[in-house]
Protein backbone atom coordinates (compact mmCIF):
# COMPACT_ATOMS: atom_id res chain seq x y z
CA MET A 1 216.65 -6.06 60.78
CA PRO A 2 218.34 -9.38 59.87
CA PRO A 3 216.87 -12.57 61.42
CA ARG A 4 219.91 -13.29 63.67
CA GLN A 5 219.77 -9.76 65.05
CA ILE A 6 216.03 -10.14 65.72
CA LEU A 7 216.68 -13.42 67.57
CA ARG A 8 219.49 -11.88 69.59
CA HIS A 9 217.32 -8.92 70.60
CA LEU A 10 214.33 -11.08 71.56
CA SER A 11 216.57 -13.51 73.45
CA ASP A 12 218.00 -10.57 75.41
CA GLU A 13 214.39 -9.63 76.24
CA GLY A 14 213.79 -13.13 77.67
CA PHE A 15 211.96 -14.78 74.77
CA SER A 16 212.95 -18.33 73.81
CA ASN A 17 210.33 -19.33 71.21
CA LEU A 18 209.11 -17.41 68.17
CA TYR A 19 206.25 -17.93 65.76
CA ILE A 20 207.57 -17.02 62.31
CA ASP A 21 204.95 -16.35 59.63
CA GLY A 22 204.77 -14.84 56.17
CA GLY A 23 206.43 -16.09 53.00
CA LYS A 24 209.40 -13.68 52.84
CA VAL A 25 209.99 -13.80 56.62
CA ILE A 26 209.96 -17.61 56.67
CA GLN A 27 212.32 -17.66 53.69
CA ALA A 28 214.77 -15.30 55.44
CA PHE A 29 214.84 -17.42 58.61
CA LEU A 30 215.20 -20.67 56.61
CA LYS A 31 218.12 -19.25 54.63
CA GLU A 32 219.93 -18.53 57.91
CA ASP A 33 219.06 -22.02 59.27
CA LEU A 34 217.03 -20.56 62.14
CA ILE A 35 213.88 -22.71 61.91
CA ASP A 36 213.75 -25.75 64.22
CA GLU A 37 210.08 -26.70 63.81
CA LEU A 38 207.53 -26.28 61.04
CA VAL A 39 203.75 -26.29 61.26
CA ILE A 40 202.28 -26.30 57.78
CA ALA A 41 198.56 -25.67 57.48
CA LYS A 42 196.75 -26.53 54.26
CA VAL A 43 193.37 -25.02 53.53
CA PRO A 44 191.18 -26.38 50.73
CA VAL A 45 191.28 -23.08 48.77
CA LEU A 46 193.47 -22.46 45.73
CA ILE A 47 195.06 -19.02 45.78
CA GLY A 48 195.72 -17.56 42.35
CA ASN A 49 198.89 -15.68 43.27
CA GLY A 50 200.99 -14.58 46.20
CA ILE A 51 204.38 -15.09 47.80
CA PRO A 52 205.55 -18.73 47.86
CA LEU A 53 206.05 -20.18 51.33
CA PHE A 54 209.42 -21.66 50.35
CA ASP A 55 211.89 -20.14 47.93
CA GLU A 56 215.23 -21.42 46.67
CA LEU A 57 217.69 -22.37 49.39
CA ASP A 58 221.47 -22.83 49.17
CA ARG A 59 221.14 -26.37 50.57
CA ASP A 60 218.56 -28.95 51.54
CA VAL A 61 217.00 -28.58 54.99
CA GLY A 62 215.65 -31.85 56.39
CA PHE A 63 212.56 -32.06 58.56
CA LYS A 64 211.00 -35.14 60.19
CA HIS A 65 207.21 -35.50 60.18
CA ILE A 66 205.85 -35.63 63.74
CA ARG A 67 202.08 -35.67 63.31
CA THR A 68 199.19 -34.44 61.19
CA GLU A 69 195.78 -33.23 62.29
CA VAL A 70 192.76 -33.19 59.96
CA PHE A 71 189.79 -30.97 60.81
CA SER A 72 186.14 -31.32 59.72
CA ASN A 73 186.32 -28.05 57.72
CA GLY A 74 189.08 -29.50 55.49
CA LEU A 75 192.02 -27.83 57.22
CA VAL A 76 195.07 -30.10 57.50
CA ARG A 77 197.90 -29.16 59.88
CA SER A 78 201.21 -31.05 59.75
CA TYR A 79 204.02 -30.76 62.32
CA TYR A 80 207.71 -31.26 61.53
CA GLU A 81 211.01 -31.04 63.44
CA LYS A 82 214.35 -30.24 61.84
CA PHE A 83 216.92 -33.00 61.79
CA ILE A 84 220.59 -32.90 60.89
CA GLN A 85 221.32 -34.66 57.62
CA THR A 86 224.44 -36.75 57.51
CA PRO A 87 226.55 -36.56 54.35
CA VAL A 88 226.38 -39.61 52.09
């Protein structure tokens, strides 16, 4: 099911916020400009392979850094909000 159709269905069911996770799912929602906030968690472990979190996009998508939390186990969580970029 395409991301916009998923949003429409969940909105009809009364949901207003979604947690989007998984490389390909995040990429699909970003490509349709459906992500308003990002929370990016970094864990101090290098993964040898997998699906990239971000893939190629048709255009730049700007996000403003809101805050970052650092935990004693090395986890770093950064919060961002989307902003509208003005043409130069």
